[in-house]
């Protein structure tokens, strides 16, 4: 398993309220699976990706937006951030999720 990497920005925009961290859990030429954790109060700015992201919240509680609509997840729940759709994520409590990105956006080397 790879080491944790600080997550200080998303799509070139600074995180809000601190930083998260991530590590690669698996990858192929078709996608990458990340484990991501945010401390309580840390949030991403509203942003878009050029890939789909499937998010499974393993623990904690997050709120955010998806195409301008509010979204709330608790442990065991899933949301998909489709390619090109604005979204944001904020940890209400310390939270950890698995996020599958396809196509991969983390270098495969």
PDB file of N, CA and C in Angstrom:
ATOM      1  N   UNK A   1       0.851  -1.174   0.000  1.00  0.00           N
ATOM      2  CA  UNK A   1       0.000   0.000   0.000  1.00  0.00           C
ATOM      3  C   UNK A   1       0.893   1.233   0.000  1.00  0.00           C
ATOM      4  N   UNK A   2       0.484   2.239  -0.726  1.00  0.00           N
ATOM      5  CA  UNK A   2       1.292   3.456  -0.806  1.00  0.00           C
ATOM      6  C   UNK A   2       1.147   4.291   0.459  1.00  0.00           C
ATOM      7  N   UNK A   3       2.074   5.185   0.635  1.00  0.00           N
ATOM      8  CA  UNK A   3       2.071   6.096   1.783  1.00  0.00           C
ATOM      9  C   UNK A   3       1.007   7.176   1.592  1.00  0.00           C
ATOM     10  N   UNK A   4       0.621   7.780   2.691  1.00  0.00           N
ATOM     11  CA  UNK A   4      -0.316   8.900   2.655  1.00  0.00           C
ATOM     12  C   UNK A   4       0.356  10.123   2.026  1.00  0.00           C
ATOM     13  N   UNK A   5      -0.412  10.859   1.216  1.00  0.00           N
ATOM     14  CA  UNK A   5       0.034  12.096   0.582  1.00  0.00           C
ATOM     15  C   UNK A   5      -0.883  13.223   1.047  1.00  0.00           C
ATOM     16  N   UNK A   6      -0.327  14.366   1.453  1.00  0.00           N
ATOM     17  CA  UNK A   6      -1.185  15.489   1.850  1.00  0.00           C
ATOM     18  C   UNK A   6      -2.061  15.937   0.682  1.00  0.00           C
ATOM     19  N   UNK A   7      -3.285  16.310   0.978  1.00  0.00           N
ATOM     20  CA  UNK A   7      -4.221  16.822  -0.025  1.00  0.00           C
ATOM     21  C   UNK A   7      -4.500  18.281   0.332  1.00  0.00           C
ATOM     22  N   UNK A   8      -3.793  19.177  -0.334  1.00  0.00           N
ATOM     23  CA  UNK A   8      -3.858  20.610  -0.031  1.00  0.00           C
ATOM     24  C   UNK A   8      -4.656  21.402  -1.057  1.00  0.00           C
ATOM     25  N   UNK A   9      -4.906  20.787  -2.216  1.00  0.00           N
ATOM     26  CA  UNK A   9      -5.636  21.465  -3.288  1.00  0.00           C
ATOM     27  C   UNK A   9      -6.388  20.429  -4.119  1.00  0.00           C
ATOM     28  N   UNK A  10      -7.471  20.878  -4.725  1.00  0.00           N
ATOM     29  CA  UNK A  10      -8.267  20.041  -5.632  1.00  0.00           C
ATOM     30  C   UNK A  10      -8.452  20.826  -6.924  1.00  0.00           C
ATOM     31  N   UNK A  11      -8.061  20.215  -8.039  1.00  0.00           N
ATOM     32  CA  UNK A  11      -8.160  20.885  -9.348  1.00  0.00           C
ATOM     33  C   UNK A  11      -7.560  22.291  -9.298  1.00  0.00           C
ATOM     34  N   UNK A  12      -6.418  22.432  -8.611  1.00  0.00           N
ATOM     35  CA  UNK A  12      -5.689  23.695  -8.567  1.00  0.00           C
ATOM     36  C   UNK A  12      -6.235  24.712  -7.577  1.00  0.00           C
ATOM     37  N   UNK A  13      -7.268  24.361  -6.815  1.00  0.00           N
ATOM     38  CA  UNK A  13      -7.857  25.275  -5.833  1.00  0.00           C
ATOM     39  C   UNK A  13      -7.534  24.787  -4.420  1.00  0.00           C
ATOM     40  N   UNK A  14      -7.139  25.702  -3.554  1.00  0.00           N
ATOM     41  CA  UNK A  14      -6.758  25.352  -2.189  1.00  0.00           C
ATOM     42  C   UNK A  14      -7.933  24.778  -1.409  1.00  0.00           C
ATOM     43  N   UNK A  15      -7.629  23.785  -0.569  1.00  0.00           N
ATOM     44  CA  UNK A  15      -8.619  23.236   0.354  1.00  0.00           C
ATOM     45  C   UNK A  15      -9.029  24.332   1.336  1.00  0.00           C
ATOM     46  N   UNK A  16     -10.189  24.163   1.954  1.00  0.00           N
ATOM     47  CA  UNK A  16     -10.733  25.126   2.905  1.00  0.00           C
ATOM     48  C   UNK A  16     -10.657  24.517   4.308  1.00  0.00           C
ATOM     49  N   UNK A  17     -10.100  25.261   5.266  1.00  0.00           N
ATOM     50  CA  UNK A  17     -10.101  24.822   6.654  1.00  0.00           C
ATOM     51  C   UNK A  17      -9.016  23.835   7.026  1.00  0.00           C
ATOM     52  N   UNK A  18      -8.038  23.638   6.178  1.00  0.00           N
ATOM     53  CA  UNK A  18      -6.953  22.704   6.472  1.00  0.00           C
ATOM     54  C   UNK A  18      -6.642  21.831   5.278  1.00  0.00           C
ATOM     55  N   UNK A  19      -6.233  20.607   5.541  1.00  0.00           N
ATOM     56  CA  UNK A  19      -5.896  19.693   4.451  1.00  0.00           C
ATOM     57  C   UNK A  19      -6.368  18.284   4.782  1.00  0.00           C
ATOM     58  N   UNK A  20      -6.585  17.524   3.734  1.00  0.00           N
ATOM     59  CA  UNK A  20      -6.885  16.113   3.871  1.00  0.00           C
ATOM     60  C   UNK A  20      -5.652  15.316   3.515  1.00  0.00           C
ATOM     61  N   UNK A  21      -5.847  14.038   3.271  1.00  0.00           N
ATOM     62  CA  UNK A  21      -4.749  13.205   2.788  1.00  0.00           C
ATOM     63  C   UNK A  21      -5.347  12.055   1.991  1.00  0.00           C
ATOM     64  N   UNK A  22      -4.507  11.452   1.138  1.00  0.00           N
ATOM     65  CA  UNK A  22      -4.974  10.330   0.327  1.00  0.00           C
ATOM     66  C   UNK A  22      -3.837   9.339   0.117  1.00  0.00           C
ATOM     67  N   UNK A  23      -4.245   8.124  -0.252  1.00  0.00           N
ATOM     68  CA  UNK A  23      -3.278   7.116  -0.689  1.00  0.00           C
ATOM     69  C   UNK A  23      -3.951   6.242  -1.733  1.00  0.00           C
ATOM     70  N   UNK A  24      -3.135   5.728  -2.638  1.00  0.00           N
ATOM     71  CA  UNK A  24      -3.617   4.869  -3.714  1.00  0.00           C
ATOM     72  C   UNK A  24      -3.814   3.469  -3.153  1.00  0.00           C
ATOM     73  N   UNK A  25      -5.011   2.902  -3.357  1.00  0.00           N
ATOM     74  CA  UNK A  25      -5.315   1.543  -2.896  1.00  0.00           C
ATOM     75  C   UNK A  25      -5.264   0.537  -4.036  1.00  0.00           C
ATOM     76  N   UNK A  26      -5.418   1.000  -5.278  1.00  0.00           N
ATOM     77  CA  UNK A  26      -5.348   0.125  -6.445  1.00  0.00           C
ATOM     78  C   UNK A  26      -5.426   0.965  -7.704  1.00  0.00           C
ATOM     79  N   UNK A  27      -4.913   0.392  -8.794  1.00  0.00           N
ATOM     80  CA  UNK A  27      -4.949   1.157 -10.049  1.00  0.00           C
ATOM     81  C   UNK A  27      -4.772   0.231 -11.238  1.00  0.00           C
ATOM     82  N   UNK A  28      -5.281   0.701 -12.359  1.00  0.00           N
ATOM     83  CA  UNK A  28      -5.092   0.052 -13.649  1.00  0.00           C
ATOM     84  C   UNK A  28      -5.139   1.150 -14.694  1.00  0.00           C
ATOM     85  N   UNK A  29      -5.052   0.754 -15.954  1.00  0.00           N
ATOM     86  CA  UNK A  29      -5.137   1.761 -17.012  1.00  0.00           C
ATOM     87  C   UNK A  29      -6.548   2.343 -17.119  1.00  0.00           C
ATOM     88  N   UNK A  30      -7.527   1.720 -16.469  1.00  0.00           N
ATOM     89  CA  UNK A  30      -8.926   2.164 -16.565  1.00  0.00           C
ATOM     90  C   UNK A  30      -9.391   3.004 -15.387  1.00  0.00           C
ATOM     91  N   UNK A  31      -8.673   2.964 -14.265  1.00  0.00           N
ATOM     92  CA  UNK A  31      -9.111   3.724 -13.106  1.00  0.00           C
ATOM     93  C   UNK A  31      -8.137   3.622 -11.952  1.00  0.00           C
ATOM     94  N   UNK A  32      -8.393   4.440 -10.943  1.00  0.00           N
ATOM     95  CA  UNK A  32      -7.584   4.432  -9.735  1.00  0.00           C
ATOM     96  C   UNK A  32      -8.524   4.485  -8.534  1.00  0.00           C
ATOM     97  N   UNK A  33      -8.200   3.684  -7.502  1.00  0.00           N
ATOM     98  CA  UNK A  33      -8.973   3.672  -6.273  1.00  0.00           C
ATOM     99  C   UNK A  33      -8.149   4.354  -5.194  1.00  0.00           C
ATOM    100  N   UNK A  34      -8.705   5.441  -4.644  1.00  0.00           N
ATOM    101  CA  UNK A  34      -8.037   6.200  -3.595  1.00  0.00           C
ATOM    102  C   UNK A  34      -8.751   6.017  -2.273  1.00  0.00           C
ATOM    103  N   UNK A  35      -7.998   6.050  -1.199  1.00  0.00           N
ATOM    104  CA  UNK A  35      -8.551   6.194   0.143  1.00  0.00           C
ATOM    105  C   UNK A  35      -8.260   7.632   0.541  1.00  0.00           C
ATOM    106  N   UNK A  36      -9.300   8.366   0.920  1.00  0.00           N
ATOM    107  CA  UNK A  36      -9.175   9.790   1.232  1.00  0.00           C
ATOM    108  C   UNK A  36      -9.724  10.028   2.629  1.00  0.00           C
ATOM    109  N   UNK A  37      -9.067  10.882   3.384  1.00  0.00           N
ATOM    110  CA  UNK A  37      -9.564  11.244   4.705  1.00  0.00           C
ATOM    111  C   UNK A  37      -9.472  12.752   4.895  1.00  0.00           C
ATOM    112  N   UNK A  38     -10.521  13.318   5.496  1.00  0.00           N
ATOM    113  CA  UNK A  38     -10.561  14.739   5.853  1.00  0.00           C
ATOM    114  C   UNK A  38     -10.825  14.822   7.350  1.00  0.00           C
ATOM    115  N   UNK A  39     -10.093  15.682   8.078  1.00  0.00           N
ATOM    116  CA  UNK A  39     -10.476  15.980   9.452  1.00  0.00           C
ATOM    117  C   UNK A  39     -11.787  16.789   9.452  1.00  0.00           C
ATOM    118  N   UNK A  40     -12.476  16.793  10.578  1.00  0.00           N
ATOM    119  CA  UNK A  40     -13.703  17.593  10.701  1.00  0.00           C
ATOM    120  C   UNK A  40     -13.409  19.045  10.346  1.00  0.00           C
ATOM    121  N   UNK A  41     -14.288  19.660   9.566  1.00  0.00           N
ATOM    122  CA  UNK A  41     -14.154  21.062   9.191  1.00  0.00           C
ATOM    123  C   UNK A  41     -13.384  21.313   7.919  1.00  0.00           C
ATOM    124  N   UNK A  42     -12.725  20.318   7.365  1.00  0.00           N
ATOM    125  CA  UNK A  42     -11.981  20.490   6.109  1.00  0.00           C
ATOM    126  C   UNK A  42     -12.939  20.290   4.944  1.00  0.00           C
ATOM    127  N   UNK A  43     -12.775  21.137   3.920  1.00  0.00           N
ATOM    128  CA  UNK A  43     -13.675  21.081   2.765  1.00  0.00           C
ATOM    129  C   UNK A  43     -12.907  21.335   1.479  1.00  0.00           C
ATOM    130  N   UNK A  44     -13.472  20.810   0.402  1.00  0.00           N
ATOM    131  CA  UNK A  44     -12.975  21.155  -0.929  1.00  0.00           C
ATOM    132  C   UNK A  44     -13.776  22.351  -1.421  1.00  0.00           C
ATOM    133  N   UNK A  45     -13.180  23.174  -2.276  1.00  0.00           N
ATOM    134  CA  UNK A  45     -13.981  24.198  -2.944  1.00  0.00           C
ATOM    135  C   UNK A  45     -14.863  23.520  -3.990  1.00  0.00           C
ATOM    136  N   UNK A  46     -15.845  24.228  -4.494  1.00  0.00           N
ATOM    137  CA  UNK A  46     -16.630  23.705  -5.617  1.00  0.00           C
ATOM    138  C   UNK A  46     -15.675  23.551  -6.797  1.00  0.00           C
ATOM    139  N   UNK A  47     -15.704  22.378  -7.427  1.00  0.00           N
ATOM    140  CA  UNK A  47     -14.776  22.091  -8.531  1.00  0.00           C
ATOM    141  C   UNK A  47     -15.388  21.055  -9.463  1.00  0.00           C
ATOM    142  N   UNK A  48     -14.760  20.855 -10.608  1.00  0.00           N
ATOM    143  CA  UNK A  48     -15.175  19.826 -11.573  1.00  0.00           C
ATOM    144  C   UNK A  48     -13.951  19.001 -11.953  1.00  0.00           C
ATOM    145  N   UNK A  49     -14.209  17.760 -12.392  1.00  0.00           N
ATOM    146  CA  UNK A  49     -13.151  16.868 -12.853  1.00  0.00           C
ATOM    147  C   UNK A  49     -13.413  16.466 -14.302  1.00  0.00           C
ATOM    148  N   UNK A  50     -12.363  15.945 -14.955  1.00  0.00           N
ATOM    149  CA  UNK A  50     -12.515  15.396 -16.302  1.00  0.00           C
ATOM    150  C   UNK A  50     -12.624  13.870 -16.243  1.00  0.00           C
ATOM    151  N   UNK A  51     -13.137  13.373 -15.106  1.00  0.00           N
ATOM    152  CA  UNK A  51     -13.343  11.939 -14.898  1.00  0.00           C
ATOM    153  C   UNK A  51     -14.570  11.756 -14.005  1.00  0.00           C
ATOM    154  N   UNK A  52     -15.107  10.546 -13.953  1.00  0.00           N
ATOM    155  CA  UNK A  52     -16.163  10.205 -13.007  1.00  0.00           C
ATOM    156  C   UNK A  52     -15.512   9.779 -11.695  1.00  0.00           C
ATOM    157  N   UNK A  53     -16.147  10.125 -10.571  1.00  0.00           N
ATOM    158  CA  UNK A  53     -15.695   9.683  -9.253  1.00  0.00           C
ATOM    159  C   UNK A  53     -16.854   9.003  -8.539  1.00  0.00           C
ATOM    160  N   UNK A  54     -16.626   7.772  -8.103  1.00  0.00           N
ATOM    161  CA  UNK A  54     -17.595   7.014  -7.317  1.00  0.00           C
ATOM    162  C   UNK A  54     -17.079   7.018  -5.885  1.00  0.00           C
ATOM    163  N   UNK A  55     -17.865   7.539  -4.963  1.00  0.00           N
ATOM    164  CA  UNK A  55     -17.429   7.749  -3.589  1.00  0.00           C
ATOM    165  C   UNK A  55     -18.238   6.861  -2.642  1.00  0.00           C
ATOM    166  N   UNK A  56     -17.534   6.070  -1.819  1.00  0.00           N
ATOM    167  CA  UNK A  56     -18.155   5.238  -0.790  1.00  0.00           C
ATOM    168  C   UNK A  56     -17.614   5.695   0.555  1.00  0.00           C
ATOM    169  N   UNK A  57     -18.474   6.277   1.409  1.00  0.00           N
ATOM    170  CA  UNK A  57     -18.043   6.776   2.712  1.00  0.00           C
ATOM    171  C   UNK A  57     -17.922   5.610   3.690  1.00  0.00           C
ATOM    172  N   UNK A  58     -16.705   5.353   4.160  1.00  0.00           N
ATOM    173  CA  UNK A  58     -16.457   4.243   5.088  1.00  0.00           C
ATOM    174  C   UNK A  58     -16.752   4.639   6.526  1.00  0.00           C
ATOM    175  N   UNK A  59     -16.407   5.869   6.897  1.00  0.00           N
ATOM    176  CA  UNK A  59     -16.689   6.334   8.259  1.00  0.00           C
ATOM    177  C   UNK A  59     -16.806   7.847   8.251  1.00  0.00           C
ATOM    178  N   UNK A  60     -17.575   8.355   9.200  1.00  0.00           N
ATOM    179  CA  UNK A  60     -17.722   9.794   9.339  1.00  0.00           C
ATOM    180  C   UNK A  60     -19.043  10.302   8.801  1.00  0.00           C
ATOM    181  N   UNK A  61     -19.032  11.579   8.458  1.00  0.00           N
ATOM    182  CA  UNK A  61     -20.220  12.284   7.989  1.00  0.00           C
ATOM    183  C   UNK A  61     -19.742  13.443   7.129  1.00  0.00           C
ATOM    184  N   UNK A  62     -20.183  13.493   5.879  1.00  0.00           N
ATOM    185  CA  UNK A  62     -19.823  14.587   4.980  1.00  0.00           C
ATOM    186  C   UNK A  62     -21.072  15.221   4.400  1.00  0.00           C
ATOM    187  N   UNK A  63     -20.955  16.498   4.093  1.00  0.00           N
ATOM    188  CA  UNK A  63     -21.984  17.230   3.365  1.00  0.00           C
ATOM    189  C   UNK A  63     -21.294  17.886   2.186  1.00  0.00           C
ATOM    190  N   UNK A  64     -22.077  18.337   1.235  1.00  0.00           N
ATOM    191  CA  UNK A  64     -21.501  19.018   0.087  1.00  0.00           C
ATOM    192  C   UNK A  64     -22.572  19.382  -0.898  1.00  0.00           C
ATOM    193  N   UNK A  65     -22.125  19.592  -2.125  1.00  0.00           N
ATOM    194  CA  UNK A  65     -23.047  19.932  -3.202  1.00  0.00           C
ATOM    195  C   UNK A  65     -22.731  19.069  -4.417  1.00  0.00           C
ATOM    196  N   UNK A  66     -23.741  18.856  -5.224  1.00  0.00           N
ATOM    197  CA  UNK A  66     -23.603  18.155  -6.495  1.00  0.00           C
ATOM    198  C   UNK A  66     -24.498  18.876  -7.482  1.00  0.00           C
ATOM    199  N   UNK A  67     -23.894  19.569  -8.426  1.00  0.00           N
ATOM    200  CA  UNK A  67     -24.623  20.376  -9.401  1.00  0.00           C
ATOM    201  C   UNK A  67     -25.537  21.386  -8.708  1.00  0.00           C
ATOM    202  N   UNK A  68     -25.023  21.984  -7.619  1.00  0.00           N
ATOM    203  CA  UNK A  68     -25.739  23.025  -6.899  1.00  0.00           C
ATOM    204  C   UNK A  68     -26.744  22.523  -5.875  1.00  0.00           C
ATOM    205  N   UNK A  69     -26.956  21.227  -5.809  1.00  0.00           N
ATOM    206  CA  UNK A  69     -27.914  20.648  -4.858  1.00  0.00           C
ATOM    207  C   UNK A  69     -27.171  20.094  -3.642  1.00  0.00           C
ATOM    208  N   UNK A  70     -27.764  20.211  -2.443  1.00  0.00           N
ATOM    209  CA  UNK A  70     -27.095  19.669  -1.258  1.00  0.00           C
ATOM    210  C   UNK A  70     -27.025  18.146  -1.276  1.00  0.00           C
ATOM    211  N   UNK A  71     -25.923  17.625  -0.743  1.00  0.00           N
ATOM    212  CA  UNK A  71     -25.699  16.182  -0.630  1.00  0.00           C
ATOM    213  C   UNK A  71     -25.190  15.917   0.781  1.00  0.00           C
ATOM    214  N   UNK A  72     -25.655  14.819   1.394  1.00  0.00           N
ATOM    215  CA  UNK A  72     -25.191  14.423   2.713  1.00  0.00           C
ATOM    216  C   UNK A  72     -24.945  12.925   2.699  1.00  0.00           C
ATOM    217  N   UNK A  73     -23.792  12.514   3.206  1.00  0.00           N
ATOM    218  CA  UNK A  73     -23.453  11.088   3.282  1.00  0.00           C
ATOM    219  C   UNK A  73     -23.044  10.726   4.699  1.00  0.00           C
ATOM    220  N   UNK A  74     -23.490   9.550   5.111  1.00  0.00           N
ATOM    221  CA  UNK A  74     -23.043   8.941   6.360  1.00  0.00           C
ATOM    222  C   UNK A  74     -22.403   7.603   6.000  1.00  0.00           C
ATOM    223  N   UNK A  75     -21.697   7.014   6.936  1.00  0.00           N
ATOM    224  CA  UNK A  75     -20.980   5.764   6.670  1.00  0.00           C
ATOM    225  C   UNK A  75     -21.874   4.744   5.976  1.00  0.00           C
ATOM    226  N   UNK A  76     -21.329   4.145   4.908  1.00  0.00           N
ATOM    227  CA  UNK A  76     -22.043   3.129   4.143  1.00  0.00           C
ATOM    228  C   UNK A  76     -22.799   3.670   2.950  1.00  0.00           C
ATOM    229  N   UNK A  77     -22.832   4.988   2.777  1.00  0.00           N
ATOM    230  CA  UNK A  77     -23.568   5.580   1.654  1.00  0.00           C
ATOM    231  C   UNK A  77     -22.617   5.937   0.514  1.00  0.00           C
ATOM    232  N   UNK A  78     -23.213   6.093  -0.676  1.00  0.00           N
ATOM    233  CA  UNK A  78     -22.464   6.287  -1.919  1.00  0.00           C
ATOM    234  C   UNK A  78     -23.003   7.495  -2.673  1.00  0.00           C
ATOM    235  N   UNK A  79     -22.111   8.207  -3.359  1.00  0.00           N
ATOM    236  CA  UNK A  79     -22.500   9.253  -4.307  1.00  0.00           C
ATOM    237  C   UNK A  79     -21.556   9.164  -5.500  1.00  0.00           C
ATOM    238  N   UNK A  80     -22.057   9.556  -6.665  1.00  0.00           N
ATOM    239  CA  UNK A  80     -21.237   9.627  -7.873  1.00  0.00           C
ATOM    240  C   UNK A  80     -21.118  11.094  -8.273  1.00  0.00           C
ATOM    241  N   UNK A  81     -19.885  11.524  -8.496  1.00  0.00           N
ATOM    242  CA  UNK A  81     -19.607  12.856  -9.042  1.00  0.00           C
ATOM    243  C   UNK A  81     -19.290  12.653 -10.519  1.00  0.00           C
ATOM    244  N   UNK A  82     -20.265  12.873 -11.408  1.00  0.00           N
ATOM    245  CA  UNK A  82     -20.007  12.661 -12.838  1.00  0.00           C
ATOM    246  C   UNK A  82     -19.013  13.681 -13.401  1.00  0.00           C
ATOM    247  N   UNK A  83     -18.354  13.275 -14.433  1.00  0.00           N
ATOM    248  CA  UNK A  83     -17.413  14.126 -15.156  1.00  0.00           C
ATOM    249  C   UNK A  83     -18.086  15.454 -15.517  1.00  0.00           C
ATOM    250  N   UNK A  84     -17.395  16.563 -15.216  1.00  0.00           N
ATOM    251  CA  UNK A  84     -17.862  17.885 -15.613  1.00  0.00           C
ATOM    252  C   UNK A  84     -18.948  18.488 -14.740  1.00  0.00           C
ATOM    253  N   UNK A  85     -19.395  17.801 -13.691  1.00  0.00           N
ATOM    254  CA  UNK A  85     -20.465  18.321 -12.826  1.00  0.00           C
ATOM    255  C   UNK A  85     -19.841  18.967 -11.586  1.00  0.00           C
ATOM    256  N   UNK A  86     -20.155  20.245 -11.331  1.00  0.00           N
ATOM    257  CA  UNK A  86     -19.594  20.917 -10.151  1.00  0.00           C
ATOM    258  C   UNK A  86     -20.036  20.229  -8.858  1.00  0.00           C
ATOM    259  N   UNK A  87     -19.093  20.106  -7.918  1.00  0.00           N
ATOM    260  CA  UNK A  87     -19.399  19.488  -6.634  1.00  0.00           C
ATOM    261  C   UNK A  87     -18.412  19.961  -5.579  1.00  0.00           C
ATOM    262  N   UNK A  88     -18.773  19.724  -4.309  1.00  0.00           N
ATOM    263  CA  UNK A  88     -17.898  20.037  -3.182  1.00  0.00           C
ATOM    264  C   UNK A  88     -18.132  19.001  -2.096  1.00  0.00           C
ATOM    265  N   UNK A  89     -17.174  18.901  -1.163  1.00  0.00           N
ATOM    266  CA  UNK A  89     -17.259  17.955  -0.044  1.00  0.00           C
ATOM    267  C   UNK A  89     -16.727  18.648   1.205  1.00  0.00           C
ATOM    268  N   UNK A  90     -17.450  18.504   2.322  1.00  0.00           N
ATOM    269  CA  UNK A  90     -16.990  19.018   3.610  1.00  0.00           C
ATOM    270  C   UNK A  90     -17.196  17.949   4.676  1.00  0.00           C
ATOM    271  N   UNK A  91     -16.170  17.719   5.488  1.00  0.00           N
ATOM    272  CA  UNK A  91     -16.264  16.744   6.570  1.00  0.00           C
ATOM    273  C   UNK A  91     -16.906  17.399   7.788  1.00  0.00           C
ATOM    274  N   UNK A  92     -18.089  16.896   8.160  1.00  0.00           N
ATOM    275  CA  UNK A  92     -18.746  17.352   9.385  1.00  0.00           C
ATOM    276  C   UNK A  92     -18.038  16.727  10.585  1.00  0.00           C
ATOM    277  N   UNK A  93     -17.673  15.459  10.452  1.00  0.00           N
ATOM    278  CA  UNK A  93     -16.859  14.727  11.422  1.00  0.00           C
ATOM    279  C   UNK A  93     -15.670  14.164  10.655  1.00  0.00           C
ATOM    280  N   UNK A  94     -14.622  13.759  11.361  1.00  0.00           N
ATOM    281  CA  UNK A  94     -13.494  13.145  10.658  1.00  0.00           C
ATOM    282  C   UNK A  94     -14.041  12.013   9.792  1.00  0.00           C
ATOM    283  N   UNK A  95     -13.676  12.005   8.518  1.00  0.00           N
ATOM    284  CA  UNK A  95     -14.302  11.098   7.559  1.00  0.00           C
ATOM    285  C   UNK A  95     -13.273  10.459   6.643  1.00  0.00           C
ATOM    286  N   UNK A  96     -13.555   9.212   6.263  1.00  0.00           N
ATOM    287  CA  UNK A  96     -12.698   8.463   5.347  1.00  0.00           C
ATOM    288  C   UNK A  96     -13.581   7.805   4.304  1.00  0.00           C
ATOM    289  N   UNK A  97     -13.162   7.896   3.038  1.00  0.00           N
ATOM    290  CA  UNK A  97     -13.924   7.266   1.965  1.00  0.00           C
ATOM    291  C   UNK A  97     -12.996   6.650   0.931  1.00  0.00           C
ATOM    292  N   UNK A  98     -13.566   5.716   0.181  1.00  0.00           N
ATOM    293  CA  UNK A  98     -12.906   5.176  -1.003  1.00  0.00           C
ATOM    294  C   UNK A  98     -13.481   5.907  -2.199  1.00  0.00           C
ATOM    295  N   UNK A  99     -12.613   6.311  -3.110  1.00  0.00           N
ATOM    296  CA  UNK A  99     -13.044   7.051  -4.301  1.00  0.00           C
ATOM    297  C   UNK A  99     -12.394   6.420  -5.528  1.00  0.00           C
ATOM    298  N   UNK A 100     -13.251   5.901  -6.417  1.00  0.00           N
ATOM    299  CA  UNK A 100     -12.770   5.309  -7.666  1.00  0.00           C
ATOM    300  C   UNK A 100     -12.909   6.342  -8.766  1.00  0.00           C
ATOM    301  N   UNK A 101     -11.793   6.679  -9.425  1.00  0.00           N
ATOM    302  CA  UNK A 101     -11.766   7.683 -10.492  1.00  0.00           C
ATOM    303  C   UNK A 101     -11.489   6.973 -11.818  1.00  0.00           C
ATOM    304  N   UNK A 102     -12.347   7.253 -12.795  1.00  0.00           N
ATOM    305  CA  UNK A 102     -12.181   6.642 -14.106  1.00  0.00           C
ATOM    306  C   UNK A 102     -12.485   7.656 -15.193  1.00  0.00           C
ATOM    307  N   UNK A 103     -11.538   7.871 -16.105  1.00  0.00           N
ATOM    308  CA  UNK A 103     -10.200   7.299 -16.180  1.00  0.00           C
ATOM    309  C   UNK A 103      -9.316   7.818 -15.042  1.00  0.00           C
ATOM    310  N   UNK A 104      -8.181   7.138 -14.788  1.00  0.00           N
ATOM    311  CA  UNK A 104      -7.334   7.516 -13.650  1.00  0.00           C
ATOM    312  C   UNK A 104      -6.748   8.905 -13.817  1.00  0.00           C
ATOM    313  N   UNK A 105      -6.623   9.610 -12.692  1.00  0.00           N
ATOM    314  CA  UNK A 105      -6.026  10.946 -12.709  1.00  0.00           C
ATOM    315  C   UNK A 105      -4.750  10.998 -11.897  1.00  0.00           C
ATOM    316  N   UNK A 106      -4.361   9.881 -11.314  1.00  0.00           N
ATOM    317  CA  UNK A 106      -3.108   9.780 -10.569  1.00  0.00           C
ATOM    318  C   UNK A 106      -2.124   9.039 -11.490  1.00  0.00           C
ATOM    319  N   UNK A 107      -0.906   9.535 -11.663  1.00  0.00           N
ATOM    320  CA  UNK A 107       0.038   8.845 -12.559  1.00  0.00           C
ATOM    321  C   UNK A 107       0.189   7.363 -12.186  1.00  0.00           C
ATOM    322  N   UNK A 108       0.264   6.513 -13.191  1.00  0.00           N
ATOM    323  CA  UNK A 108       0.366   5.072 -12.973  1.00  0.00           C
ATOM    324  C   UNK A 108       1.780   4.609 -12.691  1.00  0.00           C
ATOM    325  N   UNK A 109       2.755   5.471 -12.839  1.00  0.00           N
ATOM    326  CA  UNK A 109       4.162   5.078 -12.618  1.00  0.00           C
ATOM    327  C   UNK A 109       4.501   4.959 -11.154  1.00  0.00           C
TER     328      UNK A 109
END
